[in-house]
Amino acid sequence: MFDRIVLAPARSCTEYVTREVHEHRAPTDASVKLLTEMEEKARDRVIEAVHVGDATFECVIHTMKHPMDDTTEMVAVFSLGGKKMTVSHREQSWRTDKHAMVQALRDKMAAEIATAVLLPALKDFR
């Protein structure tokens, strides 16, 4: 049974391997310029596609002095896009100057405007 040795004939053939070499180069100035131009055009198209209505702003500020408690109250009555809003700020007269009162009133107006403008847009956001 083990008295016979069988050798398989050696196979000889030639194989050719083809390789493709890809060069990855850094972008040139011209390609970077082209890319930025394309990005700007795309950004402009997106901004153009968004419809934004015209919102006019009108404001009147009233100042009232309350002698009973020595306070000054500033009331801003303003209209933004046809919606009338009112904001007031009251402070003791001797504590702050007019400039600080106007800034405080401005901050309250900004908060009221931001709430009125963003509330419809964010009401369905979860």
Protein backbone atom coordinates (compact mmCIF):
# COMPACT_ATOMS: atom_id res chain seq x y z
CA MET A 1 0.00 0.00 0.00
CA PHE A 2 2.82 2.46 0.78
CA ASP A 3 5.26 1.13 -1.77
CA ARG A 4 4.46 3.67 -4.42
CA ILE A 5 5.26 7.46 -4.42
CA VAL A 6 3.22 9.66 -6.72
CA LEU A 7 4.46 13.15 -7.53
CA ALA A 8 2.15 15.73 -8.98
CA PRO A 9 3.62 17.49 -11.97
CA ALA A 10 4.70 21.07 -11.26
CA ARG A 11 2.56 23.65 -12.91
CA SER A 12 4.36 26.45 -14.61
CA CYS A 13 2.56 29.43 -15.99
CA THR A 14 3.17 33.13 -16.26
CA GLU A 15 0.80 35.54 -14.55
CA TYR A 16 0.65 39.25 -15.23
CA VAL A 17 -0.44 41.69 -12.53
CA THR A 18 -1.69 45.10 -13.58
CA ARG A 19 -1.83 47.93 -11.11
CA GLU A 20 -3.41 51.32 -11.41
CA VAL A 21 -1.73 54.09 -9.52
CA HIS A 22 -3.93 56.93 -8.25
CA GLU A 23 -2.25 60.14 -7.29
CA HIS A 24 -3.92 62.18 -4.58
CA ARG A 25 -2.77 65.73 -4.86
CA ALA A 26 -3.59 68.75 -2.80
CA PRO A 27 -6.15 71.10 -4.36
CA THR A 28 -4.80 73.92 -6.43
CA ASP A 29 -5.70 77.58 -5.98
CA ALA A 30 -7.96 77.47 -9.02
CA SER A 31 -9.95 74.50 -7.71
CA VAL A 32 -10.29 76.09 -4.27
CA LYS A 33 -11.53 79.31 -5.88
CA LEU A 34 -14.03 77.34 -7.98
CA LEU A 35 -15.26 75.49 -4.90
CA THR A 36 -15.79 78.71 -2.92
CA GLU A 37 -17.64 80.27 -5.85
CA MET A 38 -19.92 77.25 -6.08
CA GLU A 39 -20.57 77.34 -2.32
CA GLU A 40 -21.42 81.06 -2.46
CA LYS A 41 -23.84 80.52 -5.37
CA ALA A 42 -25.50 77.63 -3.52
CA ARG A 43 -25.81 79.74 -0.34
CA ASP A 44 -27.30 82.63 -2.35
CA ARG A 45 -29.85 80.29 -3.94
CA VAL A 46 -30.93 78.95 -0.55
CA ILE A 47 -31.34 82.46 0.85
CA GLU A 48 -33.26 83.52 -2.27
CA ALA A 49 -35.61 80.53 -1.94
CA VAL A 50 -36.60 81.38 1.64
CA HIS A 51 -39.59 83.74 1.77
CA VAL A 52 -39.39 86.40 4.47
CA GLY A 53 -42.20 88.88 4.85
CA ASP A 54 -41.68 92.58 5.43
CA ALA A 55 -41.98 93.56 9.08
CA THR A 56 -42.23 97.26 9.82
CA PHE A 57 -41.32 98.51 13.27
CA GLU A 58 -42.82 101.58 14.95
CA CYS A 59 -42.23 102.59 18.55
CA VAL A 60 -43.24 105.29 21.04
CA ILE A 61 -41.71 105.56 24.52
CA HIS A 62 -43.54 107.24 27.39
CA THR A 63 -41.84 108.32 30.62
CA MET A 64 -43.85 108.68 33.82
CA LYS A 65 -42.63 109.82 37.22
CA HIS A 66 -44.35 108.42 40.29
CA PRO A 67 -43.77 110.82 43.21
CA MET A 68 -45.29 108.51 45.82
CA ASP A 69 -42.38 106.04 45.70
CA ASP A 70 -39.89 108.20 43.76
CA THR A 71 -39.76 105.87 40.76
CA THR A 72 -39.60 106.48 37.06
CA GLU A 73 -41.45 104.20 34.67
CA MET A 74 -40.68 103.91 30.98
CA VAL A 75 -43.34 102.32 28.81
CA ALA A 76 -42.60 101.34 25.22
CA VAL A 77 -45.59 100.85 22.96
CA PHE A 78 -44.47 99.37 19.68
CA SER A 79 -45.81 97.61 16.65
CA LEU A 80 -43.97 94.87 14.81
CA GLY A 81 -45.54 93.65 11.60
CA GLY A 82 -48.95 94.96 12.63
CA LYS A 83 -48.91 93.35 16.09
CA LYS A 84 -49.05 95.86 18.95
CA MET A 85 -46.92 95.12 22.03
CA THR A 86 -46.23 96.95 25.29
CA VAL A 87 -43.22 96.69 27.60
CA SER A 88 -42.56 98.68 30.76
CA HIS A 89 -39.59 99.16 33.06
CA ARG A 90 -39.83 100.85 36.46
CA GLU A 91 -36.92 101.83 38.67
CA GLN A 92 -36.22 104.16 41.52
CA SER A 93 -34.96 107.44 40.18
CA TRP A 94 -32.02 107.87 42.54
CA ARG A 95 -30.54 104.41 41.82
CA THR A 96 -29.77 104.65 38.12
CA ASP A 97 -29.37 107.19 35.39
CA LYS A 98 -31.53 107.52 32.28
CA HIS A 99 -29.02 105.67 30.12
CA ALA A 100 -29.21 102.54 32.29
CA MET A 101 -33.01 102.71 32.29
CA VAL A 102 -33.13 102.94 28.51
CA GLN A 103 -30.82 99.93 28.22
CA ALA A 104 -33.00 97.92 30.61
CA LEU A 105 -36.10 98.87 28.61
CA ARG A 106 -34.31 97.92 25.39
CA ASP A 107 -33.43 94.50 26.80
CA LYS A 108 -37.05 93.88 27.78
CA MET A 109 -38.21 94.98 24.32
CA ALA A 110 -35.70 92.63 22.69
CA ALA A 111 -36.94 89.73 24.78
CA GLU A 112 -40.57 90.53 23.90
CA ILE A 113 -39.78 90.84 20.18
CA ALA A 114 -37.76 87.62 20.17
CA THR A 115 -40.59 85.77 21.88
CA ALA A 116 -43.21 87.13 19.48
CA VAL A 117 -41.12 86.45 16.39
CA LEU A 118 -39.80 83.00 17.31
CA LEU A 119 -42.87 81.54 19.01
CA PRO A 120 -44.72 80.64 15.77
CA ALA A 121 -41.57 79.10 14.30
CA LEU A 122 -40.72 77.05 17.39
CA LYS A 123 -44.21 75.96 18.50
CA ASP A 124 -44.01 72.64 16.61
CA PHE A 125 -40.38 71.99 17.56
CA ARG A 126 -40.00 69.09 19.97
